[in-house]
Amino acid sequence: TLFLVSGVVQRLSGTYELSELGGLYRRAPVLAVLFLIPALSLAGFPPFSGFFAKLALVQAGLAVEQYPIVAVALGVSLLTLFSMTKIWSEAFWKPADRAPEHLLPSRAVLRSLQLPIALLVGLTVTIGVAAEPTFRLAMDASAQLMEPDGYVRAVLGRPAP
C-alpha cells in the first residue's frame, strides 16, 4: 500500500526526494490519510493489523523468555514509527517549496489513483478490527501445514505414502 502511495506522490510532485516534497496534505488530503493508516499499521499501532502481528511476536518472545527478541521487536516498531512520521511530515505536512501545478491530475484521475489504495487500506483496517478470526484462520492454516495428512487424503483420496 505504501508503495502505491509513493507512486501517487511521485505523480503529484514529480519526485521521490523527501527534501523536495511538501504540501501534499493541502493538495491531496485523502492521500495523506491513505499514507498515514498503513504507516501506523507498519509501526504496530492498534487497532491496525500490524499491532496484532507485533503483539503475537512479543507474546511469543515473552513466553519463551527471549527478551532480546522482544526488545528488538519493540525497538524496530519505535524506529519504524519515527521514520514513518518523518516521511509523513516531510511529504504531506510541511509547506511546499514549489507547487508543480502542471503535474496535478484532474480530480477524477486522482480519485482513480486513490481507489485501489483505499481498498487496501480498508482491508488493513478490517483485518485489524477482526484480528481474532484472522489470527484463528492463520493458526488453523499453519496447523494444517504441519500435519499434511488430511490435505493429502482429501486430494488423493487415500493416506499419504
Protein backbone atom coordinates (compact mmCIF):
# COMPACT_ATOMS: atom_id res chain seq x y z
CA THR A 1 0.00 0.00 0.00
CA LEU A 2 2.78 2.41 0.87
CA PHE A 3 4.45 1.71 -2.48
CA LEU A 4 1.21 2.63 -4.25
CA VAL A 5 1.02 5.84 -2.23
CA SER A 6 4.60 6.66 -3.20
CA GLY A 7 3.68 6.29 -6.87
CA VAL A 8 0.81 8.75 -6.48
CA VAL A 9 3.10 11.11 -4.54
CA GLN A 10 5.60 10.99 -7.40
CA ARG A 11 2.80 11.64 -9.88
CA LEU A 12 1.63 14.68 -7.89
CA SER A 13 5.06 16.15 -7.19
CA GLY A 14 7.34 14.84 -9.91
CA THR A 15 9.89 13.49 -7.42
CA TYR A 16 10.56 10.90 -4.74
CA GLU A 17 13.03 13.15 -2.90
CA LEU A 18 11.73 13.98 0.59
CA SER A 19 13.64 17.26 0.61
CA GLU A 20 11.73 18.39 -2.48
CA LEU A 21 8.29 17.27 -1.30
CA GLY A 22 5.80 19.15 0.80
CA GLY A 23 2.28 20.48 0.87
CA LEU A 24 0.64 17.25 -0.26
CA TYR A 25 -1.80 17.30 2.64
CA ARG A 26 -3.27 20.51 1.26
CA ARG A 27 -3.42 19.22 -2.33
CA ALA A 28 -4.47 15.63 -1.59
CA PRO A 29 -5.78 15.21 1.97
CA VAL A 30 -7.27 11.78 1.25
CA LEU A 31 -3.87 10.58 0.08
CA ALA A 32 -2.33 11.83 3.33
CA VAL A 33 -4.75 9.67 5.31
CA LEU A 34 -4.16 6.74 2.94
CA PHE A 35 -0.45 7.00 3.78
CA LEU A 36 -0.93 7.52 7.50
CA ILE A 37 -3.08 4.43 8.17
CA PRO A 38 -0.70 1.81 6.68
CA ALA A 39 2.27 3.70 8.14
CA LEU A 40 0.78 3.41 11.63
CA SER A 41 -0.05 -0.24 10.94
CA LEU A 42 3.54 -0.89 9.92
CA ALA A 43 4.72 0.71 13.15
CA GLY A 44 2.37 -1.54 15.13
CA PHE A 45 -0.30 0.89 16.30
CA PRO A 46 -3.65 -0.51 17.45
CA PRO A 47 -6.22 -1.21 16.05
CA PHE A 48 -4.37 -1.86 12.81
CA SER A 49 -3.21 -5.29 11.67
CA GLY A 50 0.47 -4.57 12.35
CA PHE A 51 -0.28 -4.20 16.05
CA PHE A 52 -1.63 -7.73 16.37
CA ALA A 53 1.31 -9.20 14.47
CA LYS A 54 3.75 -7.39 16.76
CA LEU A 55 1.69 -8.36 19.81
CA ALA A 56 1.87 -12.04 18.82
CA LEU A 57 5.63 -11.73 18.32
CA VAL A 58 6.12 -10.04 21.70
CA GLN A 59 3.90 -12.58 23.48
CA ALA A 60 5.77 -15.48 21.89
CA GLY A 61 9.11 -13.93 22.85
CA LEU A 62 7.98 -13.41 26.43
CA ALA A 63 6.56 -16.95 26.63
CA VAL A 64 9.96 -18.48 25.82
CA GLU A 65 11.87 -15.81 27.76
CA GLN A 66 13.62 -14.47 24.67
CA TYR A 67 13.85 -10.92 25.92
CA PRO A 68 16.33 -9.77 23.24
CA ILE A 69 13.76 -10.68 20.57
CA VAL A 70 11.10 -8.71 22.42
CA ALA A 71 13.45 -5.73 22.75
CA VAL A 72 14.35 -5.85 19.06
CA ALA A 73 10.67 -6.09 18.03
CA LEU A 74 9.74 -3.10 20.17
CA GLY A 75 12.81 -1.15 19.06
CA VAL A 76 12.04 -1.77 15.40
CA SER A 77 8.48 -0.58 15.99
CA LEU A 78 9.78 2.63 17.53
CA LEU A 79 12.23 3.24 14.67
CA THR A 80 9.51 2.47 12.12
CA LEU A 81 7.21 4.97 13.81
CA PHE A 82 9.97 7.57 13.72
CA SER A 83 10.71 7.01 10.03
CA MET A 84 7.02 6.98 9.01
CA THR A 85 6.42 10.18 10.98
CA LYS A 86 9.40 11.82 9.26
CA ILE A 87 8.17 10.80 5.81
CA TRP A 88 4.62 11.97 6.53
CA SER A 89 5.71 15.32 7.92
CA GLU A 90 8.14 15.97 5.04
CA ALA A 91 5.87 14.88 2.21
CA PHE A 92 2.46 15.90 3.49
CA TRP A 93 2.67 18.37 6.36
CA LYS A 94 5.47 20.85 5.64
CA PRO A 95 4.67 23.70 3.24
CA ALA A 96 5.62 23.12 -0.37
CA ASP A 97 8.66 24.96 -1.69
CA ARG A 98 7.16 24.87 -5.13
CA ALA A 99 3.76 23.94 -6.40
CA PRO A 100 4.05 21.88 -9.60
CA GLU A 101 0.58 22.75 -10.85
CA HIS A 102 1.34 21.20 -14.23
CA LEU A 103 1.61 17.80 -12.52
CA LEU A 104 -1.74 17.95 -10.74
CA PRO A 105 -4.11 15.41 -12.28
CA SER A 106 -7.82 16.05 -12.51
CA ARG A 107 -9.99 15.11 -9.54
CA ALA A 108 -11.29 12.06 -11.42
CA VAL A 109 -7.77 10.83 -12.16
CA LEU A 110 -6.68 11.45 -8.56
CA ARG A 111 -9.70 9.50 -7.29
CA SER A 112 -8.93 6.62 -9.66
CA LEU A 113 -5.35 6.55 -8.35
CA GLN A 114 -6.54 6.58 -4.75
CA LEU A 115 -9.29 3.96 -5.10
CA PRO A 116 -7.08 0.83 -5.08
CA ILE A 117 -5.10 2.27 -2.18
CA ALA A 118 -8.31 2.96 -0.27
CA LEU A 119 -9.47 -0.63 -0.83
CA LEU A 120 -6.19 -1.99 0.53
CA VAL A 121 -6.30 0.39 3.49
CA GLY A 122 -9.87 -0.73 4.17
CA LEU A 123 -8.68 -4.34 4.13
CA THR A 124 -5.89 -3.45 6.57
CA VAL A 125 -8.35 -1.82 8.95
CA THR A 126 -10.77 -4.75 8.60
CA ILE A 127 -8.04 -7.26 9.41
CA GLY A 128 -7.10 -5.15 12.41
CA VAL A 129 -10.66 -4.91 13.70
CA ALA A 130 -11.31 -8.60 13.01
CA ALA A 131 -7.92 -9.73 14.31
CA GLU A 132 -9.20 -12.69 16.31
CA PRO A 133 -10.90 -14.53 13.41
CA THR A 134 -7.98 -13.69 11.12
CA PHE A 135 -5.46 -14.97 13.68
CA ARG A 136 -7.52 -18.13 14.24
CA LEU A 137 -7.63 -18.76 10.48
CA ALA A 138 -3.85 -18.33 10.27
CA MET A 139 -3.32 -20.70 13.20
CA ASP A 140 -5.58 -23.33 11.60
CA ALA A 141 -3.72 -23.00 8.29
CA SER A 142 -0.35 -23.35 10.00
CA ALA A 143 -1.57 -26.44 11.89
CA GLN A 144 -2.67 -27.99 8.59
CA LEU A 145 0.73 -27.25 7.08
CA MET A 146 2.39 -29.04 9.97
CA GLU A 147 0.10 -32.08 9.56
CA PRO A 148 -0.38 -32.54 5.78
CA ASP A 149 -2.02 -36.00 6.01
CA GLY A 150 -5.55 -34.57 5.98
CA TYR A 151 -4.79 -32.48 2.88
CA VAL A 152 -3.18 -35.41 1.08
CA ARG A 153 -6.14 -37.64 1.95
CA ALA A 154 -8.60 -35.01 0.70
CA VAL A 155 -6.74 -34.54 -2.59
CA LEU A 156 -5.64 -38.10 -3.35
CA GLY A 157 -8.48 -39.93 -1.63
CA ARG A 158 -6.02 -42.08 0.30
CA PRO A 159 -3.44 -41.58 3.03
CA ALA A 160 -0.04 -40.16 2.24
CA PRO A 161 2.54 -42.74 1.08
